[in-house]
Amino acid sequence: MIAAISPADINYEETLSTLRYADRAKAIVCKAVINEDANAKLIRDLKEEIVKLRELLKNEAGIDISPDGTSTSVLPAPTTNNKHQRLKSSSSQSSEDALERLKENQKLMDSLCMSYEEKLQKTEKIMAEREAAFHELGVYSKNDGNAVGIFSPKNVRIIIKQNN
């Protein structure tokens, strides 16, 4: 930022005010924020955590988990049984925890995705019921909502008294 000040004593107050503003403006920090839906962000974070947990399981315990949930053991041939036993016992607890967290995250991600689809189906069902109720009452509207019309319902009986 460039602050233009005057050396004249007549502009002393204005110069001080400009310098105070320039000092405050130096402290302003702007952070870029991505406009993102909360559910989309949560799903993205869960996917990243799932990938990290899969890598942890593969590196620590030698268990390779495919995206469909099946696991295969890819441990290298042990050089000594004692080393292998220590590695297996120390990493088994952390791998079990990581596997459990991985399954929980996948369940949560599936429930978030399914809940969105269920919400969409529920909304479509409510819209269809609403349209049917309006149709029974004799109110007609286009799908875009711009035009509305009224007609006499077909299932309303009209009684006419005929006198001779």
Protein backbone atom coordinates (compact mmCIF):
# COMPACT_ATOMS: atom_id res chain seq x y z
CA MET A 1 0.00 0.00 0.00
CA ILE A 2 1.23 3.48 -0.79
CA ALA A 3 0.22 6.27 1.58
CA ALA A 4 0.53 9.80 0.20
CA ILE A 5 1.39 12.33 2.92
CA SER A 6 2.05 16.04 2.85
CA PRO A 7 5.11 17.73 4.41
CA ALA A 8 3.15 20.91 5.12
CA ASP A 9 2.19 21.61 8.73
CA ILE A 10 -1.29 22.62 7.62
CA ASN A 11 -2.02 18.97 6.67
CA TYR A 12 -0.62 17.52 9.91
CA GLU A 13 -3.88 15.88 11.11
CA GLU A 14 -4.63 14.43 7.69
CA THR A 15 -1.10 13.01 7.45
CA LEU A 16 -1.43 11.34 10.87
CA SER A 17 -4.80 9.91 9.91
CA THR A 18 -3.36 8.54 6.65
CA LEU A 19 -0.42 6.95 8.48
CA ARG A 20 -2.75 5.36 11.07
CA TYR A 21 -4.90 3.92 8.28
CA ALA A 22 -1.83 2.59 6.44
CA ASP A 23 -0.66 0.93 9.67
CA ARG A 24 -4.06 -0.74 10.17
CA ALA A 25 -4.24 -1.76 6.50
CA LYS A 26 -0.97 -3.70 6.85
CA ALA A 27 -2.66 -5.99 9.37
CA ILE A 28 -5.53 -6.93 7.03
CA VAL A 29 -5.23 -10.56 5.91
CA CYS A 30 -7.49 -12.04 3.26
CA LYS A 31 -8.02 -15.78 3.08
CA ALA A 32 -9.41 -17.47 0.00
CA VAL A 33 -12.31 -19.77 0.83
CA ILE A 34 -13.77 -22.38 -1.51
CA ASN A 35 -17.54 -22.21 -1.87
CA GLU A 36 -18.47 -25.80 -1.15
CA ASP A 37 -21.50 -27.62 0.17
CA ALA A 38 -21.04 -28.98 3.70
CA ASN A 39 -22.02 -32.50 2.66
CA ALA A 40 -19.70 -32.42 -0.35
CA LYS A 41 -16.84 -31.26 1.87
CA LEU A 42 -17.56 -33.99 4.42
CA ILE A 43 -17.70 -36.64 1.69
CA ARG A 44 -14.43 -35.38 0.19
CA ASP A 45 -12.73 -35.43 3.62
CA LEU A 46 -14.01 -38.94 4.31
CA LYS A 47 -12.73 -40.19 0.96
CA GLU A 48 -9.31 -38.70 1.69
CA GLU A 49 -9.27 -40.34 5.13
CA ILE A 50 -10.30 -43.68 3.61
CA VAL A 51 -7.38 -43.50 1.18
CA LYS A 52 -4.98 -42.63 4.04
CA LEU A 53 -6.29 -45.50 6.17
CA ARG A 54 -5.94 -47.95 3.28
CA GLU A 55 -2.33 -46.85 2.80
CA LEU A 56 -1.71 -47.17 6.55
CA LEU A 57 -3.12 -50.70 6.57
CA LYS A 58 -1.09 -51.64 3.52
CA ASN A 59 2.15 -50.26 4.96
CA GLU A 60 1.72 -51.26 8.61
CA ALA A 61 -0.04 -54.62 8.54
CA GLY A 62 0.38 -55.65 4.93
CA ILE A 63 -3.37 -55.78 4.35
CA ASP A 64 -4.53 -54.47 1.01
CA ILE A 65 -8.20 -53.45 1.00
CA SER A 66 -9.92 -53.03 -2.33
CA PRO A 67 -12.72 -50.45 -2.81
CA ASP A 68 -15.36 -53.20 -2.64
CA GLY A 69 -14.27 -54.08 0.93
CA THR A 70 -12.38 -57.33 0.32
CA SER A 71 -8.97 -57.61 1.91
CA THR A 72 -5.90 -59.54 0.87
CA SER A 73 -2.71 -60.04 2.81
CA VAL A 74 0.41 -58.85 1.03
CA LEU A 75 3.03 -59.42 3.73
CA PRO A 76 6.55 -60.12 2.44
CA ALA A 77 8.22 -63.41 3.29
CA PRO A 78 9.57 -63.09 6.86
CA THR A 79 13.33 -63.17 7.32
CA THR A 80 13.08 -64.20 10.95
CA ASN A 81 10.09 -65.38 12.91
CA ASN A 82 10.92 -63.21 15.92
CA LYS A 83 11.00 -60.01 13.87
CA HIS A 84 7.79 -60.96 12.15
CA GLN A 85 6.06 -61.68 15.49
CA ARG A 86 7.06 -58.30 16.94
CA LEU A 87 5.99 -56.45 13.80
CA LYS A 88 2.71 -58.32 13.68
CA SER A 89 1.85 -57.74 17.36
CA SER A 90 2.71 -54.02 17.29
CA SER A 91 0.93 -53.29 14.05
CA SER A 92 -2.08 -55.56 14.59
CA GLN A 93 -3.68 -53.21 17.12
CA SER A 94 -3.13 -50.11 15.00
CA SER A 95 -4.28 -51.91 11.86
CA GLU A 96 -7.45 -53.13 13.59
CA ASP A 97 -8.20 -49.58 14.72
CA ALA A 98 -7.50 -48.22 11.25
CA LEU A 99 -9.67 -50.92 9.66
CA GLU A 100 -12.50 -50.12 12.08
CA ARG A 101 -12.25 -46.39 11.36
CA LEU A 102 -12.17 -47.14 7.63
CA LYS A 103 -15.39 -49.16 7.84
CA GLU A 104 -17.09 -46.47 9.96
CA ASN A 105 -16.11 -43.77 7.46
CA GLN A 106 -17.40 -45.84 4.54
CA LYS A 107 -20.72 -46.41 6.36
CA LEU A 108 -21.03 -42.69 7.11
CA MET A 109 -20.23 -41.76 3.51
CA ASP A 110 -22.79 -44.28 2.21
CA SER A 111 -25.44 -42.95 4.61
CA LEU A 112 -24.79 -39.38 3.47
CA CYS A 113 -25.10 -40.35 -0.18
CA MET A 114 -28.17 -42.49 0.40
CA SER A 115 -29.84 -39.83 2.50
CA TYR A 116 -29.49 -37.35 -0.37
CA GLU A 117 -31.04 -39.80 -2.83
CA GLU A 118 -33.81 -40.63 -0.36
CA LYS A 119 -34.48 -36.93 0.16
CA LEU A 120 -34.75 -36.44 -3.59
CA GLN A 121 -37.20 -39.35 -3.94
CA LYS A 122 -39.25 -38.10 -0.99
CA THR A 123 -39.44 -34.60 -2.49
CA GLU A 124 -40.54 -35.97 -5.86
CA LYS A 125 -43.22 -38.08 -4.13
CA ILE A 126 -44.53 -35.06 -2.19
CA MET A 127 -44.63 -32.99 -5.40
CA ALA A 128 -46.64 -35.72 -7.16
CA GLU A 129 -49.10 -35.95 -4.23
CA ARG A 130 -49.46 -32.18 -4.18
CA GLU A 131 -50.13 -32.07 -7.91
CA ALA A 132 -52.76 -34.82 -7.56
CA ALA A 133 -54.46 -32.96 -4.69
CA PHE A 134 -54.57 -29.74 -6.73
CA HIS A 135 -55.96 -31.64 -9.69
CA GLU A 136 -58.76 -33.05 -7.53
CA LEU A 137 -59.61 -29.54 -6.33
CA GLY A 138 -59.74 -28.21 -9.87
CA VAL A 139 -56.49 -26.24 -9.88
CA TYR A 140 -54.13 -26.84 -12.76
CA SER A 141 -50.57 -25.54 -12.97
CA LYS A 142 -47.77 -26.09 -15.45
CA ASN A 143 -44.55 -27.73 -14.34
CA ASP A 144 -42.62 -24.47 -14.57
CA GLY A 145 -45.10 -22.82 -12.20
CA ASN A 146 -45.83 -19.87 -14.49
CA ALA A 147 -49.41 -20.70 -15.48
CA VAL A 148 -52.29 -21.61 -13.19
CA GLY A 149 -55.81 -22.45 -14.29
CA ILE A 150 -59.06 -23.44 -12.61
CA PHE A 151 -61.49 -25.98 -14.01
CA SER A 152 -64.44 -27.88 -12.71
CA PRO A 153 -63.35 -31.20 -11.25
CA LYS A 154 -64.72 -34.29 -13.00
CA ASN A 155 -65.50 -36.23 -9.86
CA VAL A 156 -67.77 -33.57 -8.31
CA ARG A 157 -71.43 -34.48 -8.67
CA ILE A 158 -73.83 -31.72 -9.55
CA ILE A 159 -77.42 -32.18 -8.51
CA ILE A 160 -79.92 -30.34 -10.68
CA LYS A 161 -83.46 -30.01 -9.53
CA GLN A 162 -85.85 -30.23 -12.41
CA ASN A 163 -89.33 -28.80 -11.92
CA ASN A 164 -92.01 -29.23 -14.53
